[in-house]
Structure formats: structure tokens, C-alpha cells
N, C-alpha and C. Protein backbone atom coordinates (compact mmCIF):
# COMPACT_ATOMS: atom_id res chain seq x y z
N UNK A 1 -121.81 170.85 248.78
CA UNK A 1 -120.47 171.53 248.61
C UNK A 1 -120.82 172.97 248.26
N UNK A 2 -120.39 173.47 249.48
CA UNK A 2 -120.03 175.32 249.06
C UNK A 2 -118.66 175.70 249.36
N UNK A 3 -118.68 177.10 249.07
CA UNK A 3 -117.34 177.66 248.95
C UNK A 3 -117.77 179.00 249.66
N UNK A 4 -116.56 179.70 250.30
CA UNK A 4 -116.43 181.02 250.78
C UNK A 4 -116.91 182.03 250.23
N UNK A 5 -116.67 182.02 248.93
CA UNK A 5 -117.10 183.34 247.99
C UNK A 5 -117.40 182.71 246.42
N UNK A 6 -117.63 183.85 245.67
CA UNK A 6 -118.09 183.40 244.40
C UNK A 6 -117.07 182.90 243.72
N UNK A 7 -117.03 181.90 242.77
CA UNK A 7 -115.81 181.41 242.01
C UNK A 7 -116.10 181.24 240.56
N UNK A 8 -115.77 181.93 240.19
CA UNK A 8 -115.52 181.70 238.49
C UNK A 8 -114.34 181.04 237.80
N UNK A 9 -114.93 180.03 236.73
CA UNK A 9 -113.44 179.31 236.39
C UNK A 9 -113.34 179.59 234.72
N UNK A 10 -112.50 180.50 234.50
CA UNK A 10 -112.18 180.68 233.05
C UNK A 10 -111.93 179.55 232.04
N UNK A 11 -112.05 179.96 230.77
CA UNK A 11 -111.92 178.92 229.67
C UNK A 11 -111.84 177.58 229.81
N UNK A 12 -112.93 176.97 230.48
CA UNK A 12 -113.07 175.56 230.48
C UNK A 12 -113.47 174.68 229.07
N UNK A 13 -112.40 173.78 228.89
CA UNK A 13 -112.83 173.32 227.37
C UNK A 13 -112.88 171.93 227.70
N UNK A 14 -113.04 171.14 228.59
CA UNK A 14 -113.08 169.79 228.92
C UNK A 14 -113.99 169.29 230.11
N UNK A 15 -114.78 168.12 230.06
CA UNK A 15 -115.25 167.51 230.82
C UNK A 15 -114.92 167.41 232.53
N UNK A 16 -113.89 167.14 232.51
CA UNK A 16 -112.83 166.80 233.72
C UNK A 16 -112.98 168.26 234.36
N UNK A 17 -112.77 169.21 234.05
CA UNK A 17 -112.76 170.70 234.65
C UNK A 17 -114.30 170.85 235.07
N UNK A 18 -115.08 170.94 234.08
CA UNK A 18 -116.25 170.75 234.30
C UNK A 18 -117.17 170.28 235.32
N UNK A 19 -117.25 168.80 235.43
CA UNK A 19 -117.46 168.34 236.56
C UNK A 19 -116.95 168.38 237.75
N UNK A 20 -115.44 168.56 237.95
CA UNK A 20 -114.86 168.64 239.07
C UNK A 20 -115.25 170.10 239.73
N UNK A 21 -115.37 171.10 238.93
CA UNK A 21 -115.34 172.43 239.34
C UNK A 21 -117.17 172.52 239.74
N UNK A 22 -117.95 172.04 238.88
CA UNK A 22 -119.36 172.11 239.42
C UNK A 22 -119.74 171.04 240.97
N UNK A 23 -118.90 170.31 240.89
CA UNK A 23 -119.00 169.47 242.01
C UNK A 23 -118.53 170.24 243.28
N UNK A 24 -117.26 170.85 243.24
CA UNK A 24 -116.87 171.57 244.10
C UNK A 24 -117.81 172.81 244.54
N UNK A 25 -118.87 173.08 243.62
CA UNK A 25 -119.67 174.36 244.03
C UNK A 25 -119.05 175.53 243.46
N UNK A 26 -118.56 175.80 242.59
CA UNK A 26 -118.29 176.89 241.68
C UNK A 26 -119.48 177.70 241.19
N UNK A 27 -119.73 178.93 241.18
CA UNK A 27 -120.93 179.71 240.64
C UNK A 27 -120.86 179.84 239.07
N UNK A 28 -119.99 180.12 238.43
CA UNK A 28 -119.63 180.62 237.07
C UNK A 28 -118.38 179.88 236.40
N UNK A 29 -119.13 179.56 235.28
CA UNK A 29 -118.06 178.62 234.40
C UNK A 29 -118.30 179.02 233.17
N UNK A 30 -117.03 179.82 232.49
CA UNK A 30 -116.60 180.39 231.17
C UNK A 30 -116.32 179.34 230.56
N UNK A 31 -116.69 179.83 229.11
CA UNK A 31 -116.22 179.03 227.95
C UNK A 31 -115.89 180.13 226.73
N UNK A 32 -114.44 179.71 226.21
CA UNK A 32 -114.53 180.76 225.42
C UNK A 32 -115.00 180.33 223.89
N UNK A 33 -115.64 181.39 223.57
CA UNK A 33 -116.79 181.05 222.15
C UNK A 33 -115.82 181.68 220.89
N UNK A 34 -114.95 182.33 221.17
CA UNK A 34 -114.42 183.27 219.81
C UNK A 34 -113.86 181.88 218.95
N UNK A 35 -114.44 182.16 217.50
CA UNK A 35 -113.96 181.05 216.87
C UNK A 35 -112.86 180.94 216.46
N UNK A 36 -111.80 181.80 216.45
CA UNK A 36 -110.34 182.27 215.88
C UNK A 36 -109.34 181.37 217.30
N UNK A 37 -109.91 181.68 218.47
CA UNK A 37 -109.30 180.92 219.71
C UNK A 37 -108.87 179.81 219.78
N UNK A 38 -107.49 179.43 220.16
CA UNK A 38 -107.03 177.99 220.21
C UNK A 38 -107.98 177.24 221.31
N UNK A 39 -108.90 178.02 222.20
CA UNK A 39 -109.39 177.33 223.44
C UNK A 39 -110.90 177.34 223.26
N UNK A 40 -111.23 178.03 221.61
CA UNK A 40 -112.79 177.86 221.31
C UNK A 40 -113.57 176.16 221.62
N UNK A 41 -114.81 176.57 222.18
CA UNK A 41 -115.64 175.71 222.33
C UNK A 41 -116.72 175.34 221.40
N UNK A 42 -116.95 174.46 220.52
CA UNK A 42 -117.73 174.54 219.50
C UNK A 42 -119.28 174.52 220.51
N UNK A 43 -120.14 174.59 219.47
CA UNK A 43 -121.42 174.63 220.11
C UNK A 43 -122.00 172.97 220.73
N UNK A 44 -121.39 172.03 219.78
CA UNK A 44 -121.50 170.69 219.94
C UNK A 44 -120.85 170.48 221.40
N UNK A 45 -119.66 170.46 221.45
CA UNK A 45 -118.93 170.30 222.70
C UNK A 45 -119.63 171.08 223.91
N UNK A 46 -119.83 172.16 223.58
CA UNK A 46 -120.74 172.85 225.05
C UNK A 46 -121.49 172.18 225.19
N UNK A 47 -122.46 171.86 224.32
CA UNK A 47 -123.73 171.19 224.70
C UNK A 47 -123.28 169.81 225.71
N UNK A 48 -122.33 169.22 224.91
CA UNK A 48 -122.19 168.04 225.44
C UNK A 48 -121.46 168.23 227.02
N UNK A 49 -120.64 169.32 227.34
CA UNK A 49 -120.06 169.29 228.54
C UNK A 49 -120.94 169.55 229.44
N UNK A 50 -121.83 170.78 229.18
CA UNK A 50 -122.56 171.25 230.14
C UNK A 50 -124.00 170.22 230.23
N UNK A 51 -124.12 169.21 229.45
CA UNK A 51 -125.32 168.44 229.71
C UNK A 51 -125.30 167.67 231.14
N UNK A 52 -123.81 167.65 231.17
CA UNK A 52 -123.07 166.49 232.27
C UNK A 52 -123.16 167.80 233.83
N UNK A 53 -123.46 168.73 233.56
CA UNK A 53 -123.38 169.62 234.92
C UNK A 53 -124.54 170.24 235.24
N UNK A 54 -124.86 170.56 236.64
CA UNK A 54 -125.77 171.65 237.20
C UNK A 54 -125.56 172.50 238.07
N UNK A 55 -126.52 173.40 238.42
CA UNK A 55 -126.19 174.36 239.55
C UNK A 55 -125.01 175.29 239.20
N UNK A 56 -124.89 175.58 238.01
CA UNK A 56 -123.87 176.84 237.57
C UNK A 56 -124.39 177.69 236.93
N UNK A 57 -123.70 179.01 236.85
CA UNK A 57 -124.04 179.53 235.67
C UNK A 57 -123.12 179.88 234.69
N UNK A 58 -123.33 179.52 233.35
CA UNK A 58 -122.35 179.91 232.10
C UNK A 58 -122.37 180.81 231.37
N UNK A 59 -120.66 181.04 231.39
CA UNK A 59 -120.43 182.45 230.71
C UNK A 59 -119.90 182.11 229.25
N UNK A 60 -120.14 183.33 228.30
CA UNK A 60 -119.97 183.21 227.11
C UNK A 60 -118.87 183.98 226.96
N UNK A 61 -117.18 183.49 226.82
CA UNK A 61 -116.29 184.41 227.05
C UNK A 61 -115.75 184.95 225.56
N UNK A 62 -115.82 186.11 225.49
CA UNK A 62 -115.15 186.56 223.97
C UNK A 62 -113.96 187.69 224.19
N UNK A 63 -113.00 187.38 223.44
CA UNK A 63 -111.63 188.20 223.49
C UNK A 63 -111.28 188.62 222.41
N UNK A 64 -111.82 188.32 221.08
CA UNK A 64 -111.21 189.00 219.84
C UNK A 64 -112.33 189.25 219.02
N UNK A 65 -113.51 188.63 219.23
CA UNK A 65 -114.81 188.92 218.03
C UNK A 65 -115.40 190.30 218.56
N UNK A 66 -115.87 190.59 217.05
CA UNK A 66 -116.59 192.00 216.88
C UNK A 66 -118.00 191.64 217.79
N UNK A 67 -118.96 192.60 218.07
CA UNK A 67 -120.15 192.87 218.68
C UNK A 67 -121.12 192.07 217.53
N UNK A 68 -120.85 192.15 216.34
CA UNK A 68 -121.88 191.44 215.24
C UNK A 68 -121.68 189.87 215.43
N UNK A 69 -120.30 189.65 215.56
CA UNK A 69 -120.32 187.94 215.47
C UNK A 69 -120.45 187.70 217.05
N UNK A 70 -120.36 188.40 217.73
CA UNK A 70 -120.96 187.92 219.26
C UNK A 70 -122.41 187.44 219.28
N UNK A 71 -123.05 188.57 218.72
CA UNK A 71 -124.54 188.75 218.30
C UNK A 71 -125.17 187.53 217.67
N UNK A 72 -124.38 186.97 216.83
CA UNK A 72 -124.50 185.70 215.89
C UNK A 72 -124.30 184.45 216.90
N UNK A 73 -123.18 184.49 217.59
CA UNK A 73 -122.69 183.25 218.11
C UNK A 73 -123.69 182.98 219.34
N UNK A 74 -124.09 183.90 219.94
CA UNK A 74 -125.02 183.55 221.33
C UNK A 74 -125.99 182.66 220.91
N UNK A 75 -126.55 182.95 219.77
CA UNK A 75 -127.68 182.21 219.34
C UNK A 75 -127.46 180.74 219.42
N UNK A 76 -126.58 180.28 219.22
CA UNK A 76 -125.88 178.90 219.37
C UNK A 76 -125.44 178.39 220.28
N UNK A 77 -125.41 179.06 221.60
CA UNK A 77 -125.20 178.43 222.82
C UNK A 77 -126.35 179.28 224.03
N UNK A 78 -126.52 178.50 225.05
CA UNK A 78 -127.27 178.40 226.19
C UNK A 78 -126.62 179.06 227.31
N UNK A 79 -126.04 180.54 227.23
CA UNK A 79 -125.28 181.15 228.09
C UNK A 79 -126.26 182.00 229.04
N UNK A 80 -125.85 181.95 230.39
CA UNK A 80 -126.43 183.43 231.47
C UNK A 80 -125.50 184.69 231.34
N UNK A 81 -124.32 184.72 230.81
CA UNK A 81 -123.70 185.73 230.93
C UNK A 81 -122.53 185.77 229.61
N UNK A 82 -122.57 187.16 229.46
CA UNK A 82 -121.50 187.41 228.01
C UNK A 82 -120.27 187.93 228.74
N UNK A 83 -119.07 187.54 228.29
CA UNK A 83 -117.96 188.20 228.83
C UNK A 83 -117.09 188.54 227.99
N UNK A 84 -116.98 190.15 227.74
CA UNK A 84 -115.98 190.91 226.76
C UNK A 84 -115.21 191.82 227.37
N UNK A 85 -113.92 192.09 226.56
CA UNK A 85 -113.19 192.69 227.37
C UNK A 85 -112.88 194.13 226.65
N UNK A 86 -113.79 194.64 225.94
CA UNK A 86 -113.82 196.32 225.45
C UNK A 86 -114.89 196.81 225.89
N UNK A 87 -114.46 198.08 226.93
CA UNK A 87 -115.44 198.73 227.54
C UNK A 87 -116.49 199.68 226.48
N UNK A 88 -115.89 199.75 225.33
CA UNK A 88 -116.63 200.69 224.47
C UNK A 88 -118.16 199.81 223.79
N UNK A 89 -117.74 198.54 224.03
CA UNK A 89 -118.89 197.42 223.45
C UNK A 89 -120.03 197.14 224.32
N UNK A 90 -119.82 197.84 225.49
CA UNK A 90 -120.71 197.68 226.44
C UNK A 90 -122.07 198.13 226.27
N UNK A 91 -122.36 199.22 225.40
CA UNK A 91 -123.63 199.60 225.19
C UNK A 91 -124.25 198.92 224.16
N UNK A 92 -123.76 198.52 223.17
CA UNK A 92 -124.20 197.69 222.25
C UNK A 92 -124.84 196.81 222.65
N UNK A 93 -123.73 195.77 223.51
CA UNK A 93 -123.94 194.30 224.14
C UNK A 93 -125.25 194.29 225.29
N UNK A 94 -125.44 195.43 225.71
CA UNK A 94 -126.23 195.67 226.93
C UNK A 94 -127.77 195.53 226.12
N UNK A 95 -127.89 195.87 224.94
CA UNK A 95 -129.25 195.50 224.26
C UNK A 95 -129.51 194.26 223.95
N UNK A 96 -128.78 193.06 223.99
CA UNK A 96 -129.06 191.60 223.80
C UNK A 96 -130.19 191.35 225.17
N UNK A 97 -130.01 192.25 226.25
CA UNK A 97 -130.47 191.45 227.70
C UNK A 97 -129.80 190.81 228.13
N UNK A 98 -128.64 190.05 228.11
CA UNK A 98 -127.83 189.25 228.91
C UNK A 98 -127.16 190.00 229.67
N UNK A 99 -126.79 189.57 230.89
CA UNK A 99 -125.71 190.11 231.86
C UNK A 99 -124.42 190.05 231.43
N UNK A 100 -124.05 190.99 231.76
CA UNK A 100 -122.55 191.52 230.97
C UNK A 100 -121.39 191.14 232.49
N UNK A 101 -120.17 190.76 231.79
CA UNK A 101 -119.21 190.35 232.29
C UNK A 101 -118.24 191.53 231.83
N UNK A 102 -117.59 192.52 232.16
CA UNK A 102 -116.24 192.61 231.72
C UNK A 102 -114.96 192.56 232.13
N UNK A 103 -113.90 192.03 231.55
CA UNK A 103 -112.91 191.49 231.74
C UNK A 103 -111.82 192.83 231.62
N UNK A 104 -111.45 193.23 232.82
CA UNK A 104 -110.12 194.45 232.77
C UNK A 104 -108.81 193.97 232.98
N UNK A 105 -108.08 193.90 231.90
CA UNK A 105 -106.69 193.73 231.86
C UNK A 105 -106.22 194.75 232.68
N UNK A 106 -105.50 194.47 234.15
CA UNK A 106 -105.21 195.28 235.17
C UNK A 106 -103.49 195.65 234.48
N UNK A 107 -103.04 194.58 233.77
CA UNK A 107 -101.65 195.19 233.40
C UNK A 107 -101.58 195.96 232.17
N UNK A 108 -102.76 196.44 231.62
CA UNK A 108 -102.65 197.22 230.61
C UNK A 108 -103.10 198.70 231.03
N UNK A 109 -102.98 199.00 232.31
CA UNK A 109 -103.72 200.20 232.78
C UNK A 109 -102.52 200.73 233.51
N UNK A 110 -102.24 202.21 233.28
CA UNK A 110 -100.83 202.84 233.77
C UNK A 110 -100.63 202.76 234.91
N UNK A 111 -101.99 203.46 235.96
CA UNK A 111 -102.33 203.61 237.26
C UNK A 111 -103.37 203.11 237.87
N UNK A 112 -103.48 202.77 239.10
CA UNK A 112 -104.50 202.20 239.83
C UNK A 112 -105.82 203.35 239.84
N UNK A 113 -105.54 204.47 239.57
CA UNK A 113 -106.75 205.35 239.42
C UNK A 113 -107.42 205.28 238.08
N UNK A 114 -107.13 204.91 237.10
CA UNK A 114 -107.72 204.16 235.80
C UNK A 114 -108.69 202.93 236.02
N UNK A 115 -108.50 202.24 236.87
CA UNK A 115 -109.26 201.58 237.48
C UNK A 115 -110.64 201.83 237.79
N UNK A 116 -110.45 202.97 238.77
CA UNK A 116 -111.47 203.52 239.31
C UNK A 116 -112.39 204.14 238.16
N UNK A 117 -111.96 204.71 237.49
CA UNK A 117 -112.74 205.65 236.22
C UNK A 117 -113.19 204.66 235.66
N UNK A 118 -112.89 203.62 235.22
CA UNK A 118 -113.52 202.63 234.15
C UNK A 118 -114.54 202.10 235.19
N UNK A 119 -114.52 201.59 236.20
CA UNK A 119 -115.43 200.96 236.79
C UNK A 119 -116.76 202.21 237.29
N UNK A 120 -116.14 203.02 237.51
CA UNK A 120 -117.27 204.29 237.97
C UNK A 120 -118.18 204.65 236.65
N UNK A 121 -117.42 204.68 235.56
CA UNK A 121 -118.10 205.01 234.14
C UNK A 121 -119.15 203.79 233.83
N UNK A 122 -118.69 202.58 233.89
CA UNK A 122 -119.58 201.55 233.31
C UNK A 122 -120.63 200.60 234.34
N UNK A 123 -120.47 200.87 235.54
CA UNK A 123 -120.94 200.00 236.53
C UNK A 123 -122.35 199.66 236.28
N UNK A 124 -123.09 200.79 235.76
CA UNK A 124 -124.59 200.58 235.49
C UNK A 124 -124.74 199.14 234.33
N UNK A 125 -123.74 198.80 233.48
CA UNK A 125 -123.87 198.21 232.42
C UNK A 125 -123.13 196.76 232.78
N UNK A 126 -122.63 196.70 233.69
CA UNK A 126 -121.83 195.35 234.16
C UNK A 126 -122.33 194.60 235.28
N UNK A 127 -122.57 193.51 235.25
CA UNK A 127 -122.56 192.73 236.32
C UNK A 127 -121.72 192.21 237.52
N UNK A 128 -120.43 191.92 236.45
CA UNK A 128 -119.20 191.63 237.26
C UNK A 128 -118.07 192.67 236.36
N UNK A 129 -116.95 192.74 237.10
CA UNK A 129 -115.91 193.40 236.93
C UNK A 129 -114.93 192.25 237.03
N UNK A 130 -114.44 191.49 235.89
CA UNK A 130 -113.15 190.73 236.19
C UNK A 130 -112.22 191.40 236.05
N UNK A 131 -111.19 191.43 237.01
CA UNK A 131 -109.88 191.73 237.06
C UNK A 131 -109.04 190.67 236.59
N UNK A 132 -108.24 191.15 235.45
CA UNK A 132 -107.50 189.67 234.90
C UNK A 132 -106.03 190.31 234.84
N UNK A 133 -105.17 189.58 234.37
CA UNK A 133 -103.78 190.14 234.19
C UNK A 133 -102.88 189.14 232.98
N UNK A 134 -102.68 190.17 231.70
CA UNK A 134 -102.07 189.39 230.56
C UNK A 134 -100.77 189.69 230.48
N UNK A 135 -100.18 190.36 231.69
CA UNK A 135 -98.53 190.39 231.27
C UNK A 135 -97.79 189.48 231.49
N UNK A 136 -96.62 189.62 231.56
CA UNK A 136 -95.54 188.52 231.69
C UNK A 136 -95.08 188.95 233.13
N UNK A 137 -95.47 190.36 233.47
CA UNK A 137 -94.68 191.06 234.99
C UNK A 137 -95.05 189.93 236.04
N UNK A 138 -94.62 190.14 237.24
CA UNK A 138 -94.83 189.83 238.33
C UNK A 138 -96.29 189.93 238.95
N UNK A 139 -97.32 189.11 238.86
CA UNK A 139 -98.87 189.49 239.47
C UNK A 139 -98.72 189.72 240.68
N UNK A 140 -97.92 189.04 241.49
CA UNK A 140 -97.91 189.66 243.07
C UNK A 140 -97.67 191.06 243.58
N UNK A 141 -96.34 191.45 242.67
CA UNK A 141 -96.06 192.67 242.61
C UNK A 141 -97.15 193.62 242.06
N UNK A 142 -97.71 193.59 241.14
CA UNK A 142 -98.76 194.43 240.68
C UNK A 142 -100.14 194.36 241.25
N UNK A 143 -100.45 193.12 242.03
CA UNK A 143 -101.50 193.13 243.22
C UNK A 143 -101.49 194.09 244.12
N UNK A 144 -100.08 194.16 244.93
CA UNK A 144 -99.74 194.92 246.00
C UNK A 144 -99.93 196.14 245.52
N UNK A 145 -99.43 196.63 244.42
CA UNK A 145 -99.67 197.80 244.04
C UNK A 145 -101.19 198.72 243.73
N UNK A 146 -102.08 197.50 243.35
CA UNK A 146 -103.78 197.84 243.44
C UNK A 146 -104.49 197.36 244.38
N UNK A 147 -103.80 196.94 245.45
CA UNK A 147 -104.49 196.44 247.01
C UNK A 147 -105.15 197.44 247.26
N UNK A 148 -104.72 198.62 247.60
CA UNK A 148 -105.49 199.47 248.31
C UNK A 148 -106.71 200.04 247.40
N UNK A 149 -106.63 200.39 246.07
CA UNK A 149 -107.73 200.72 245.45
C UNK A 149 -108.47 199.57 245.19
N UNK A 150 -108.55 198.19 244.72
CA UNK A 150 -108.76 196.92 244.71
C UNK A 150 -109.80 196.90 246.10
N UNK A 151 -109.43 196.96 247.32
CA UNK A 151 -110.09 196.89 248.57
C UNK A 151 -110.82 198.05 248.65
N UNK A 152 -110.50 198.97 248.35
CA UNK A 152 -111.69 200.41 248.35
C UNK A 152 -113.04 200.03 247.13
N UNK A 153 -112.42 199.84 246.13
CA UNK A 153 -113.79 199.44 245.15
C UNK A 153 -114.41 198.50 245.25
N UNK A 154 -114.07 197.28 246.14
CA UNK A 154 -115.01 196.25 246.36
C UNK A 154 -116.00 196.59 247.28
N UNK A 155 -115.37 197.52 248.09
CA UNK A 155 -116.93 197.84 249.18
C UNK A 155 -118.01 198.26 248.32
N UNK A 156 -117.70 198.77 247.15
CA UNK A 156 -119.16 199.12 246.20
C UNK A 156 -119.33 198.41 245.02
N UNK A 157 -118.44 197.92 244.42
CA UNK A 157 -118.76 197.22 243.19
C UNK A 157 -118.66 195.94 243.18
N UNK A 158 -119.00 195.08 242.03
CA UNK A 158 -118.91 193.94 242.16
C UNK A 158 -117.70 193.25 241.33
N UNK A 159 -116.67 193.10 242.22
CA UNK A 159 -115.41 192.67 241.60
C UNK A 159 -114.77 191.03 241.60
N UNK A 160 -114.76 190.70 240.45
CA UNK A 160 -113.87 189.26 240.79
C UNK A 160 -112.31 189.22 240.33
N UNK A 161 -111.76 189.02 241.62
CA UNK A 161 -110.26 188.95 241.22
C UNK A 161 -109.67 187.88 240.54
N UNK A 162 -109.19 188.19 239.56
CA UNK A 162 -108.43 186.92 238.84
C UNK A 162 -106.90 186.56 238.73
N UNK A 163 -106.25 187.47 239.45
CA UNK A 163 -104.85 187.20 239.38
C UNK A 163 -104.23 187.04 240.72
N UNK A 164 -102.89 186.74 240.87
CA UNK A 164 -101.92 186.93 242.27
C UNK A 164 -102.66 186.08 243.12
N UNK A 165 -103.52 185.06 242.90
CA UNK A 165 -104.24 184.39 244.04
C UNK A 165 -103.22 182.90 244.09
N UNK A 166 -103.65 182.42 245.44
CA UNK A 166 -102.58 181.17 245.77
C UNK A 166 -103.63 180.74 247.01
N UNK A 167 -103.01 179.36 247.40
CA UNK A 167 -103.98 178.90 248.28
C UNK A 167 -103.22 179.42 249.58
N UNK A 168 -101.97 179.70 249.77
CA UNK A 168 -101.52 180.07 251.02
C UNK A 168 -102.15 181.41 251.53
N UNK A 169 -102.65 182.70 250.92
CA UNK A 169 -103.25 183.89 250.77
C UNK A 169 -104.63 184.09 250.72
N UNK A 170 -105.40 183.41 250.17
CA UNK A 170 -106.69 183.38 249.52
C UNK A 170 -107.42 183.78 250.86
N UNK A 171 -107.49 182.89 251.67
CA UNK A 171 -108.59 183.38 252.91
C UNK A 171 -108.17 184.84 253.65
N UNK A 172 -106.71 185.09 253.56
CA UNK A 172 -106.41 186.49 254.22
C UNK A 172 -107.03 187.68 253.15
N UNK A 173 -106.74 187.57 252.05
CA UNK A 173 -107.30 187.89 250.97
C UNK A 173 -108.80 188.45 250.97
N UNK A 174 -109.51 187.28 251.41
CA UNK A 174 -111.05 187.57 251.56
C UNK A 174 -111.22 187.72 252.92
N UNK A 175 -110.54 187.85 253.81
CA UNK A 175 -110.81 188.60 255.00
C UNK A 175 -110.54 190.04 255.12
N UNK A 176 -109.87 190.30 254.02
CA UNK A 176 -109.66 191.80 254.60
C UNK A 176 -110.25 192.46 253.50
N UNK A 177 -110.59 191.97 252.46
CA UNK A 177 -111.39 192.79 251.45
C UNK A 177 -112.75 192.31 251.37
N UNK A 178 -113.68 193.36 250.30
CA UNK A 178 -115.02 192.80 250.17
C UNK A 178 -115.13 192.45 248.75
N UNK A 179 -114.13 191.78 248.14
CA UNK A 179 -114.46 191.59 246.80
C UNK A 179 -115.30 190.52 246.69
N UNK A 180 -116.45 190.41 245.51
CA UNK A 180 -117.35 189.72 245.17
C UNK A 180 -117.11 188.20 245.45
N UNK A 181 -115.89 188.00 244.65
CA UNK A 181 -115.27 186.46 243.96
C UNK A 181 -114.07 186.54 243.80
N UNK A 182 -113.74 185.60 243.21
CA UNK A 182 -112.52 185.14 242.70
C UNK A 182 -112.49 184.15 241.38
N UNK A 183 -111.86 184.42 240.32
CA UNK A 183 -111.54 183.58 238.91
C UNK A 183 -110.25 182.83 239.07
N UNK A 184 -110.57 181.81 238.59
CA UNK A 184 -109.41 180.71 238.69
C UNK A 184 -109.47 180.08 236.97
N UNK A 185 -108.33 179.67 236.65
CA UNK A 185 -107.95 179.23 235.24
C UNK A 185 -107.98 178.02 235.01
N UNK A 186 -109.41 177.68 234.09
CA UNK A 186 -109.36 176.06 233.62
C UNK A 186 -108.17 175.61 232.92
N UNK A 187 -108.05 174.58 232.47
CA UNK A 187 -106.86 173.99 231.59
C UNK A 187 -107.24 172.70 230.75
N UNK A 188 -106.27 172.43 230.16
CA UNK A 188 -106.41 171.36 229.22
C UNK A 188 -106.31 170.07 229.41
N UNK A 189 -106.93 168.90 229.37
CA UNK A 189 -106.69 167.81 229.89
C UNK A 189 -105.35 166.99 229.62
N UNK A 190 -104.61 166.42 230.25
CA UNK A 190 -103.38 165.75 229.88
C UNK A 190 -103.65 164.64 228.98
N UNK A 191 -104.96 163.74 229.10
CA UNK A 191 -105.29 162.96 228.22
C UNK A 191 -106.75 162.93 228.30
N UNK A 192 -107.55 162.57 227.08
CA UNK A 192 -109.19 162.61 227.77
C UNK A 192 -109.25 161.74 229.25
N UNK A 193 -109.86 162.36 229.63
CA UNK A 193 -110.27 161.96 231.23
C UNK A 193 -109.62 162.20 232.41
N UNK A 194 -108.33 162.76 231.98
CA UNK A 194 -107.21 162.97 233.07
C UNK A 194 -106.83 164.36 232.94
N UNK A 195 -106.87 164.90 234.26
CA UNK A 195 -106.56 166.24 234.55
C UNK A 195 -105.72 166.14 235.77
N UNK A 196 -104.83 167.47 235.86
CA UNK A 196 -103.99 167.38 236.89
C UNK A 196 -104.74 168.62 237.64
N UNK A 197 -105.51 168.61 238.90
CA UNK A 197 -106.37 169.75 239.33
C UNK A 197 -105.63 170.14 240.48
N UNK A 198 -103.97 170.10 240.59
CA UNK A 198 -103.53 170.45 241.91
C UNK A 198 -103.54 171.73 242.07
N UNK A 199 -103.31 172.84 241.62
CA UNK A 199 -103.29 173.98 241.42
C UNK A 199 -104.94 174.73 241.89
N UNK A 200 -105.90 174.16 240.71
CA UNK A 200 -107.13 174.54 241.13
C UNK A 200 -107.77 174.22 242.65
N UNK A 201 -107.41 172.88 242.72
CA UNK A 201 -107.75 172.10 243.96
C UNK A 201 -107.51 172.68 245.04
N UNK A 202 -105.96 173.20 245.35
CA UNK A 202 -105.51 173.73 246.12
C UNK A 202 -106.51 175.07 247.02
N UNK A 203 -106.71 175.67 245.87
CA UNK A 203 -107.42 177.16 246.52
C UNK A 203 -108.95 176.49 246.42
N UNK A 204 -109.69 175.79 245.98
CA UNK A 204 -110.98 175.36 246.04
C UNK A 204 -110.85 174.93 247.48
N UNK A 205 -110.25 173.83 247.73
CA UNK A 205 -110.59 173.38 248.74
C UNK A 205 -109.85 174.18 250.07
N UNK A 206 -109.38 175.09 249.72
CA UNK A 206 -108.89 176.00 250.78
C UNK A 206 -109.96 176.81 251.05
N UNK A 207 -110.90 177.51 250.40
CA UNK A 207 -112.15 177.91 250.75
C UNK A 207 -113.35 177.27 250.79
N UNK A 208 -113.43 176.02 250.76
CA UNK A 208 -114.29 175.34 251.16
C UNK A 208 -115.07 175.50 252.69
N UNK A 209 -116.16 175.83 252.64
CA UNK A 209 -116.90 176.82 253.94
C UNK A 209 -117.00 175.63 255.05
N UNK A 210 -116.52 174.50 254.97
CA UNK A 210 -116.34 173.35 256.03
C UNK A 210 -115.11 173.69 256.67
N UNK A 211 -114.63 174.31 256.01
CA UNK A 211 -113.12 174.79 256.68
C UNK A 211 -113.46 175.72 257.84
N UNK A 212 -114.59 176.22 258.13
CA UNK A 212 -114.85 177.30 258.75
C UNK A 212 -115.68 177.02 260.24
């Protein structure tokens, strides 16, 4: 199975998501490792889940932890990337010699120019910039506002777009921009072994290379 673009799955916390997404050919699989986050995946559960999958790069996602805590925690997990959301921590984290993903909350920026300034300043420290959206505002409207800037930046920088995505428009988006990839959200199992994949599957099946 192959997909049209690089795909990262955020906050994977169950084997159903992991096996399905790995089987669909996603490239990056993220696990929240923040001890105080409700989606945290323990070292034991991480080892159990990742022991069943292959062919994906594993991302340790951190949203609240300090750099000191992150440094201690990553010794307990076999990860390929570290994802953080504080640009000021990048210089310190780069010393750990693990590739970095910077999670950029676009909804927290005042205007598109700030996105360019941040990316240009931190490009040498980051493997991917993940553009996320944490507000209750309309994702589609914000994406439209940033569309021109994202398209221009995607020609030069490794961007993973993580908001405003749906199966109906995903191929148009990929055709009209040079974004490196997309990021989709994992979720909780309805009950052990049972997962509703509808939204996730719709997008992944739409970008299967077999369709082209």
C-alpha cells in the first residue's frame, strides 16, 4: 500500500489505529508521551503497540513537558522523532541528536506573515513543521486565509498540514501546493479492538496511489 503524500497520524493510543494506519502505508506515527496528558501512552503500552507494526517512523509528541522532562522520558521510548510546540526549546532539543518536528498552532498567530518569520528562523533546526489548529474557530476559513502563504512556503520548507482537511478536497490541495505531507488525528477505541475509522479512512483511501 502506498499513499500520494507523507502522512503523519497524531496521538495514536491504541493498537487498532496503529495497525490500520501502518497497513495503509502512513509514514509517521505519533504518540503523546506527556505524563500529565489524558492521551499519554506509557512505555509499556508504547512497546506493546509498536511491537505489532513495521515500516513507520515513530514520533514522541510533547505538548506540556519541559525540556528536562523530555530528555528523561525519551530514554524510555524507541522513537525516531521528537515533536514539540515551543520554538524556544528547539536549540536545546537539537542537542539530543533526534530529528525534530515543530508543532505550530496556526490559530495562535496574528497573521500569515508570522508563520513565515517563524519557519525562516527555525528551518535549520527542524525536520518538519506541523501546522495544527487548536482554536474553536472555523478551520476552513483560517486555512483559506493562510492558503497563499502556506502554498508559497511549501515550495521551500517541509510542511505537514494538520487542519482543514477532508476527503472531498484533499487531492485538490495536494495538486495545487507542494506541501510535504498531511497530519491526521488518531482517536480512542469505542471498545477494545473496535474503532470507527470512517473519517480517517476516507482521506487515506482517497490518496491511495492506486487511484491515480
